[in-house]
Amino acid sequence: MVRPMRYAMLLLVSLCACADFPELEGTISDAARQAPYPRLTAFPVGPVATGAEEDALRDRIAALQARAAIIRQIDITALQ
């Protein structure tokens, strides 16, 4: 099973070596070369959680952590 996979990878690499890649020289105009860099802007800040939302998230985190603690106590060998 391993040999066909090796041959497939070799075939894939050899096919990529035969590909024709377009010429990149001369594809950018002189105006584009002289253009200034684009201006970077700040990423917009998302909505801020209110007190009720934060309390709901804390409750959910506590419930998930309690559930994880219960799952960690399960003896996996007994299930087999």
PDB file of N, CA and C in Angstrom:
ATOM      1  N   MET A   1       0.820  -1.193   0.000  1.00  0.00           N
ATOM      2  CA  MET A   1       0.000   0.000   0.000  1.00  0.00           C
ATOM      3  C   MET A   1       0.863   1.256   0.000  1.00  0.00           C
ATOM      4  N   VAL A   2       2.027   1.162   0.607  1.00  0.00           N
ATOM      5  CA  VAL A   2       2.891   2.331   0.678  1.00  0.00           C
ATOM      6  C   VAL A   2       3.536   2.616  -0.672  1.00  0.00           C
ATOM      7  N   ARG A   3       3.887   1.583  -1.400  1.00  0.00           N
ATOM      8  CA  ARG A   3       4.554   1.790  -2.686  1.00  0.00           C
ATOM      9  C   ARG A   3       3.701   2.573  -3.686  1.00  0.00           C
ATOM     10  N   PRO A   4       2.427   2.230  -3.874  1.00  0.00           N
ATOM     11  CA  PRO A   4       1.639   3.033  -4.820  1.00  0.00           C
ATOM     12  C   PRO A   4       1.551   4.508  -4.418  1.00  0.00           C
ATOM     13  N   MET A   5       1.515   4.780  -3.119  1.00  0.00           N
ATOM     14  CA  MET A   5       1.459   6.175  -2.679  1.00  0.00           C
ATOM     15  C   MET A   5       2.757   6.893  -3.016  1.00  0.00           C
ATOM     16  N   ARG A   6       3.878   6.182  -2.872  1.00  0.00           N
ATOM     17  CA  ARG A   6       5.168   6.798  -3.234  1.00  0.00           C
ATOM     18  C   ARG A   6       5.216   7.098  -4.723  1.00  0.00           C
ATOM     19  N   TYR A   7       4.728   6.149  -5.524  1.00  0.00           N
ATOM     20  CA  TYR A   7       4.725   6.367  -6.964  1.00  0.00           C
ATOM     21  C   TYR A   7       3.772   7.495  -7.348  1.00  0.00           C
ATOM     22  N   ALA A   8       2.670   7.612  -6.659  1.00  0.00           N
ATOM     23  CA  ALA A   8       1.732   8.691  -6.942  1.00  0.00           C
ATOM     24  C   ALA A   8       2.366  10.044  -6.636  1.00  0.00           C
ATOM     25  N   MET A   9       3.082  10.136  -5.536  1.00  0.00           N
ATOM     26  CA  MET A   9       3.762  11.398  -5.200  1.00  0.00           C
ATOM     27  C   MET A   9       4.831  11.722  -6.234  1.00  0.00           C
ATOM     28  N   LEU A  10       5.586  10.716  -6.658  1.00  0.00           N
ATOM     29  CA  LEU A  10       6.617  10.920  -7.667  1.00  0.00           C
ATOM     30  C   LEU A  10       5.983  11.378  -8.979  1.00  0.00           C
ATOM     31  N   LEU A  11       4.871  10.772  -9.351  1.00  0.00           N
ATOM     32  CA  LEU A  11       4.169  11.162 -10.566  1.00  0.00           C
ATOM     33  C   LEU A  11       3.664  12.604 -10.464  1.00  0.00           C
ATOM     34  N   LEU A  12       3.139  12.954  -9.326  1.00  0.00           N
ATOM     35  CA  LEU A  12       2.632  14.310  -9.131  1.00  0.00           C
ATOM     36  C   LEU A  12       3.751  15.345  -9.244  1.00  0.00           C
ATOM     37  N   VAL A  13       4.868  15.059  -8.619  1.00  0.00           N
ATOM     38  CA  VAL A  13       6.008  15.994  -8.673  1.00  0.00           C
ATOM     39  C   VAL A  13       6.542  16.094 -10.096  1.00  0.00           C
ATOM     40  N   SER A  14       6.620  14.980 -10.791  1.00  0.00           N
ATOM     41  CA  SER A  14       7.147  15.023 -12.150  1.00  0.00           C
ATOM     42  C   SER A  14       6.188  15.758 -13.100  1.00  0.00           C
ATOM     43  N   LEU A  15       4.882  15.634 -12.886  1.00  0.00           N
ATOM     44  CA  LEU A  15       3.942  16.377 -13.720  1.00  0.00           C
ATOM     45  C   LEU A  15       4.019  17.877 -13.465  1.00  0.00           C
ATOM     46  N   CYS A  16       4.266  18.262 -12.221  1.00  0.00           N
ATOM     47  CA  CYS A  16       4.397  19.695 -11.911  1.00  0.00           C
ATOM     48  C   CYS A  16       5.647  20.280 -12.551  1.00  0.00           C
ATOM     49  N   ALA A  17       6.673  19.466 -12.725  1.00  0.00           N
ATOM     50  CA  ALA A  17       7.914  19.947 -13.326  1.00  0.00           C
ATOM     51  C   ALA A  17       7.723  20.271 -14.806  1.00  0.00           C
ATOM     52  N   CYS A  18       6.718  19.689 -15.434  1.00  0.00           N
ATOM     53  CA  CYS A  18       6.482  19.901 -16.860  1.00  0.00           C
ATOM     54  C   CYS A  18       5.542  21.074 -17.144  1.00  0.00           C
ATOM     55  N   ALA A  19       5.049  21.721 -16.131  1.00  0.00           N
ATOM     56  CA  ALA A  19       4.074  22.789 -16.319  1.00  0.00           C
ATOM     57  C   ALA A  19       4.731  24.028 -16.910  1.00  0.00           C
ATOM     58  N   ASP A  20       3.974  24.738 -17.742  1.00  0.00           N
ATOM     59  CA  ASP A  20       4.435  26.008 -18.297  1.00  0.00           C
ATOM     60  C   ASP A  20       3.905  27.133 -17.421  1.00  0.00           C
ATOM     61  N   PHE A  21       4.817  27.930 -16.906  1.00  0.00           N
ATOM     62  CA  PHE A  21       4.434  29.053 -16.071  1.00  0.00           C
ATOM     63  C   PHE A  21       4.513  30.322 -16.900  1.00  0.00           C
ATOM     64  N   PRO A  22       3.551  31.226 -16.749  1.00  0.00           N
ATOM     65  CA  PRO A  22       3.554  32.446 -17.562  1.00  0.00           C
ATOM     66  C   PRO A  22       4.727  33.356 -17.197  1.00  0.00           C
ATOM     67  N   GLU A  23       5.141  34.093 -18.170  1.00  0.00           N
ATOM     68  CA  GLU A  23       6.229  35.051 -17.986  1.00  0.00           C
ATOM     69  C   GLU A  23       5.719  36.212 -17.143  1.00  0.00           C
ATOM     70  N   LEU A  24       6.433  36.594 -16.115  1.00  0.00           N
ATOM     71  CA  LEU A  24       5.993  37.668 -15.238  1.00  0.00           C
ATOM     72  C   LEU A  24       6.633  39.008 -15.579  1.00  0.00           C
ATOM     73  N   GLU A  25       7.730  38.976 -16.276  1.00  0.00           N
ATOM     74  CA  GLU A  25       8.382  40.226 -16.653  1.00  0.00           C
ATOM     75  C   GLU A  25       7.514  40.976 -17.653  1.00  0.00           C
ATOM     76  N   GLY A  26       7.350  42.274 -17.455  1.00  0.00           N
ATOM     77  CA  GLY A  26       6.603  43.110 -18.373  1.00  0.00           C
ATOM     78  C   GLY A  26       5.101  43.084 -18.160  1.00  0.00           C
ATOM     79  N   THR A  27       4.626  42.449 -17.123  1.00  0.00           N
ATOM     80  CA  THR A  27       3.177  42.406 -16.892  1.00  0.00           C
ATOM     81  C   THR A  27       2.697  43.574 -16.043  1.00  0.00           C
ATOM     82  N   ILE A  28       3.618  44.279 -15.388  1.00  0.00           N
ATOM     83  CA  ILE A  28       3.246  45.427 -14.558  1.00  0.00           C
ATOM     84  C   ILE A  28       3.563  46.693 -15.331  1.00  0.00           C
ATOM     85  N   SER A  29       2.573  47.578 -15.437  1.00  0.00           N
ATOM     86  CA  SER A  29       2.779  48.818 -16.192  1.00  0.00           C
ATOM     87  C   SER A  29       3.658  49.776 -15.388  1.00  0.00           C
ATOM     88  N   ASP A  30       4.211  50.769 -16.105  1.00  0.00           N
ATOM     89  CA  ASP A  30       5.051  51.770 -15.437  1.00  0.00           C
ATOM     90  C   ASP A  30       4.235  52.600 -14.448  1.00  0.00           C
ATOM     91  N   ALA A  31       2.972  52.871 -14.772  1.00  0.00           N
ATOM     92  CA  ALA A  31       2.116  53.632 -13.857  1.00  0.00           C
ATOM     93  C   ALA A  31       1.901  52.847 -12.564  1.00  0.00           C
ATOM     94  N   ALA A  32       1.742  51.551 -12.676  1.00  0.00           N
ATOM     95  CA  ALA A  32       1.552  50.726 -11.482  1.00  0.00           C
ATOM     96  C   ALA A  32       2.835  50.672 -10.651  1.00  0.00           C
ATOM     97  N   ARG A  33       3.967  50.666 -11.318  1.00  0.00           N
ATOM     98  CA  ARG A  33       5.245  50.657 -10.581  1.00  0.00           C
ATOM     99  C   ARG A  33       5.463  51.966  -9.811  1.00  0.00           C
ATOM    100  N   GLN A  34       4.992  53.081 -10.367  1.00  0.00           N
ATOM    101  CA  GLN A  34       5.192  54.377  -9.733  1.00  0.00           C
ATOM    102  C   GLN A  34       4.104  54.726  -8.717  1.00  0.00           C
ATOM    103  N   ALA A  35       3.058  53.930  -8.644  1.00  0.00           N
ATOM    104  CA  ALA A  35       1.947  54.215  -7.734  1.00  0.00           C
ATOM    105  C   ALA A  35       2.397  54.059  -6.282  1.00  0.00           C
ATOM    106  N   PRO A  36       1.841  54.869  -5.385  1.00  0.00           N
ATOM    107  CA  PRO A  36       2.199  54.744  -3.972  1.00  0.00           C
ATOM    108  C   PRO A  36       1.593  53.469  -3.374  1.00  0.00           C
ATOM    109  N   TYR A  37       2.154  53.059  -2.250  1.00  0.00           N
ATOM    110  CA  TYR A  37       1.607  51.896  -1.554  1.00  0.00           C
ATOM    111  C   TYR A  37       0.194  52.204  -1.072  1.00  0.00           C
ATOM    112  N   PRO A  38      -0.667  51.199  -1.003  1.00  0.00           N
ATOM    113  CA  PRO A  38      -2.028  51.465  -0.518  1.00  0.00           C
ATOM    114  C   PRO A  38      -2.009  51.854   0.946  1.00  0.00           C
ATOM    115  N   ARG A  39      -2.964  52.668   1.321  1.00  0.00           N
ATOM    116  CA  ARG A  39      -3.056  53.133   2.698  1.00  0.00           C
ATOM    117  C   ARG A  39      -3.692  52.039   3.560  1.00  0.00           C
ATOM    118  N   LEU A  40      -3.078  51.754   4.666  1.00  0.00           N
ATOM    119  CA  LEU A  40      -3.603  50.744   5.581  1.00  0.00           C
ATOM    120  C   LEU A  40      -4.553  51.394   6.573  1.00  0.00           C
ATOM    121  N   THR A  41      -5.650  50.717   6.831  1.00  0.00           N
ATOM    122  CA  THR A  41      -6.615  51.229   7.789  1.00  0.00           C
ATOM    123  C   THR A  41      -6.762  50.250   8.935  1.00  0.00           C
ATOM    124  N   ALA A  42      -7.238  50.740  10.058  1.00  0.00           N
ATOM    125  CA  ALA A  42      -7.417  49.888  11.231  1.00  0.00           C
ATOM    126  C   ALA A  42      -8.592  48.952  11.014  1.00  0.00           C
ATOM    127  N   PHE A  43      -8.485  47.771  11.581  1.00  0.00           N
ATOM    128  CA  PHE A  43      -9.559  46.784  11.514  1.00  0.00           C
ATOM    129  C   PHE A  43     -10.685  47.245  12.420  1.00  0.00           C
ATOM    130  N   PRO A  44     -11.928  47.218  11.971  1.00  0.00           N
ATOM    131  CA  PRO A  44     -13.011  47.712  12.817  1.00  0.00           C
ATOM    132  C   PRO A  44     -13.195  46.840  14.061  1.00  0.00           C
ATOM    133  N   VAL A  45     -13.437  47.478  15.174  1.00  0.00           N
ATOM    134  CA  VAL A  45     -13.614  46.782  16.439  1.00  0.00           C
ATOM    135  C   VAL A  45     -15.032  46.239  16.494  1.00  0.00           C
ATOM    136  N   GLY A  46     -15.172  45.002  16.974  1.00  0.00           N
ATOM    137  CA  GLY A  46     -16.479  44.371  17.074  1.00  0.00           C
ATOM    138  C   GLY A  46     -17.289  44.947  18.215  1.00  0.00           C
ATOM    139  N   PRO A  47     -18.526  44.492  18.351  1.00  0.00           N
ATOM    140  CA  PRO A  47     -19.382  45.012  19.423  1.00  0.00           C
ATOM    141  C   PRO A  47     -18.856  44.588  20.794  1.00  0.00           C
ATOM    142  N   VAL A  48     -19.037  45.445  21.763  1.00  0.00           N
ATOM    143  CA  VAL A  48     -18.592  45.184  23.131  1.00  0.00           C
ATOM    144  C   VAL A  48     -19.717  44.473  23.877  1.00  0.00           C
ATOM    145  N   ALA A  49     -19.367  43.418  24.607  1.00  0.00           N
ATOM    146  CA  ALA A  49     -20.370  42.656  25.346  1.00  0.00           C
ATOM    147  C   ALA A  49     -20.879  43.469  26.529  1.00  0.00           C
ATOM    148  N   THR A  50     -22.180  43.356  26.784  1.00  0.00           N
ATOM    149  CA  THR A  50     -22.775  44.038  27.930  1.00  0.00           C
ATOM    150  C   THR A  50     -22.603  43.178  29.172  1.00  0.00           C
ATOM    151  N   GLY A  51     -22.980  43.713  30.309  1.00  0.00           N
ATOM    152  CA  GLY A  51     -22.840  42.978  31.572  1.00  0.00           C
ATOM    153  C   GLY A  51     -23.634  41.690  31.584  1.00  0.00           C
ATOM    154  N   ALA A  52     -24.851  41.710  31.034  1.00  0.00           N
ATOM    155  CA  ALA A  52     -25.691  40.504  31.008  1.00  0.00           C
ATOM    156  C   ALA A  52     -25.073  39.435  30.113  1.00  0.00           C
ATOM    157  N   GLU A  53     -24.513  39.847  28.982  1.00  0.00           N
ATOM    158  CA  GLU A  53     -23.868  38.890  28.079  1.00  0.00           C
ATOM    159  C   GLU A  53     -22.634  38.287  28.717  1.00  0.00           C
ATOM    160  N   GLU A  54     -21.870  39.119  29.420  1.00  0.00           N
ATOM    161  CA  GLU A  54     -20.678  38.605  30.098  1.00  0.00           C
ATOM    162  C   GLU A  54     -21.058  37.604  31.176  1.00  0.00           C
ATOM    163  N   ASP A  55     -22.114  37.886  31.922  1.00  0.00           N
ATOM    164  CA  ASP A  55     -22.575  36.947  32.952  1.00  0.00           C
ATOM    165  C   ASP A  55     -23.026  35.635  32.324  1.00  0.00           C
ATOM    166  N   ALA A  56     -23.725  35.721  31.194  1.00  0.00           N
ATOM    167  CA  ALA A  56     -24.182  34.512  30.513  1.00  0.00           C
ATOM    168  C   ALA A  56     -22.991  33.694  30.013  1.00  0.00           C
ATOM    169  N   LEU A  57     -21.972  34.386  29.503  1.00  0.00           N
ATOM    170  CA  LEU A  57     -20.774  33.678  29.042  1.00  0.00           C
ATOM    171  C   LEU A  57     -20.028  33.028  30.202  1.00  0.00           C
ATOM    172  N   ARG A  58     -19.930  33.727  31.321  1.00  0.00           N
ATOM    173  CA  ARG A  58     -19.267  33.142  32.493  1.00  0.00           C
ATOM    174  C   ARG A  58     -20.013  31.901  32.981  1.00  0.00           C
ATOM    175  N   ASP A  59     -21.353  31.969  32.993  1.00  0.00           N
ATOM    176  CA  ASP A  59     -22.151  30.813  33.399  1.00  0.00           C
ATOM    177  C   ASP A  59     -21.939  29.641  32.446  1.00  0.00           C
ATOM    178  N   ARG A  60     -21.900  29.943  31.173  1.00  0.00           N
ATOM    179  CA  ARG A  60     -21.687  28.873  30.186  1.00  0.00           C
ATOM    180  C   ARG A  60     -20.297  28.260  30.331  1.00  0.00           C
ATOM    181  N   ILE A  61     -19.282  29.098  30.564  1.00  0.00           N
ATOM    182  CA  ILE A  61     -17.918  28.595  30.767  1.00  0.00           C
ATOM    183  C   ILE A  61     -17.866  27.702  31.994  1.00  0.00           C
ATOM    184  N   ALA A  62     -18.498  28.130  33.065  1.00  0.00           N
ATOM    185  CA  ALA A  62     -18.509  27.327  34.285  1.00  0.00           C
ATOM    186  C   ALA A  62     -19.204  25.987  34.057  1.00  0.00           C
ATOM    187  N   ALA A  63     -20.320  25.987  33.322  1.00  0.00           N
ATOM    188  CA  ALA A  63     -21.033  24.740  33.039  1.00  0.00           C
ATOM    189  C   ALA A  63     -20.191  23.807  32.173  1.00  0.00           C
ATOM    190  N   LEU A  64     -19.503  24.361  31.174  1.00  0.00           N
ATOM    191  CA  LEU A  64     -18.651  23.535  30.317  1.00  0.00           C
ATOM    192  C   LEU A  64     -17.464  22.975  31.084  1.00  0.00           C
ATOM    193  N   GLN A  65     -16.875  23.767  31.970  1.00  0.00           N
ATOM    194  CA  GLN A  65     -15.759  23.275  32.768  1.00  0.00           C
ATOM    195  C   GLN A  65     -16.214  22.185  33.731  1.00  0.00           C
ATOM    196  N   ALA A  66     -17.405  22.328  34.307  1.00  0.00           N
ATOM    197  CA  ALA A  66     -17.936  21.287  35.186  1.00  0.00           C
ATOM    198  C   ALA A  66     -18.189  20.008  34.400  1.00  0.00           C
ATOM    199  N   ARG A  67     -18.728  20.148  33.205  1.00  0.00           N
ATOM    200  CA  ARG A  67     -18.969  18.981  32.358  1.00  0.00           C
ATOM    201  C   ARG A  67     -17.654  18.304  31.976  1.00  0.00           C
ATOM    202  N   ALA A  68     -16.626  19.097  31.673  1.00  0.00           N
ATOM    203  CA  ALA A  68     -15.316  18.536  31.336  1.00  0.00           C
ATOM    204  C   ALA A  68     -14.719  17.797  32.522  1.00  0.00           C
ATOM    205  N   ALA A  69     -14.904  18.323  33.731  1.00  0.00           N
ATOM    206  CA  ALA A  69     -14.381  17.651  34.925  1.00  0.00           C
ATOM    207  C   ALA A  69     -15.056  16.296  35.120  1.00  0.00           C
ATOM    208  N   ILE A  70     -16.361  16.229  34.853  1.00  0.00           N
ATOM    209  CA  ILE A  70     -17.079  14.953  34.975  1.00  0.00           C
ATOM    210  C   ILE A  70     -16.584  13.962  33.929  1.00  0.00           C
ATOM    211  N   ILE A  71     -16.373  14.428  32.712  1.00  0.00           N
ATOM    212  CA  ILE A  71     -15.896  13.549  31.647  1.00  0.00           C
ATOM    213  C   ILE A  71     -14.489  13.043  31.955  1.00  0.00           C
ATOM    214  N   ARG A  72     -13.646  13.880  32.538  1.00  0.00           N
ATOM    215  CA  ARG A  72     -12.281  13.459  32.879  1.00  0.00           C
ATOM    216  C   ARG A  72     -12.271  12.343  33.918  1.00  0.00           C
ATOM    217  N   GLN A  73     -13.311  12.247  34.721  1.00  0.00           N
ATOM    218  CA  GLN A  73     -13.355  11.230  35.775  1.00  0.00           C
ATOM    219  C   GLN A  73     -13.801   9.866  35.255  1.00  0.00           C
ATOM    220  N   ILE A  74     -14.279   9.791  34.018  1.00  0.00           N
ATOM    221  CA  ILE A  74     -14.747   8.520  33.445  1.00  0.00           C
ATOM    222  C   ILE A  74     -13.549   7.607  33.201  1.00  0.00           C
ATOM    223  N   ASP A  75     -13.668   6.363  33.647  1.00  0.00           N
ATOM    224  CA  ASP A  75     -12.609   5.375  33.440  1.00  0.00           C
ATOM    225  C   ASP A  75     -12.812   4.749  32.051  1.00  0.00           C
ATOM    226  N   ILE A  76     -11.950   5.089  31.126  1.00  0.00           N
ATOM    227  CA  ILE A  76     -12.093   4.647  29.730  1.00  0.00           C
ATOM    228  C   ILE A  76     -11.920   3.130  29.629  1.00  0.00           C
ATOM    229  N   THR A  77     -11.054   2.551  30.423  1.00  0.00           N
ATOM    230  CA  THR A  77     -10.822   1.104  30.337  1.00  0.00           C
ATOM    231  C   THR A  77     -12.070   0.316  30.721  1.00  0.00           C
ATOM    232  N   ALA A  78     -12.920   0.868  31.571  1.00  0.00           N
ATOM    233  CA  ALA A  78     -14.147   0.179  31.951  1.00  0.00           C
ATOM    234  C   ALA A  78     -15.153   0.175  30.822  1.00  0.00           C
ATOM    235  N   LEU A  79     -15.045   1.079  29.882  1.00  0.00           N
ATOM    236  CA  LEU A  79     -15.984   1.167  28.779  1.00  0.00           C
ATOM    237  C   LEU A  79     -15.705   0.142  27.678  1.00  0.00           C
ATOM    238  N   GLN A  80     -14.511  -0.434  27.676  1.00  0.00           N
ATOM    239  CA  GLN A  80     -14.130  -1.336  26.582  1.00  0.00           C
ATOM    240  C   GLN A  80     -14.658  -2.693  26.788  1.00  0.00           C
TER     241      GLN A  80
END
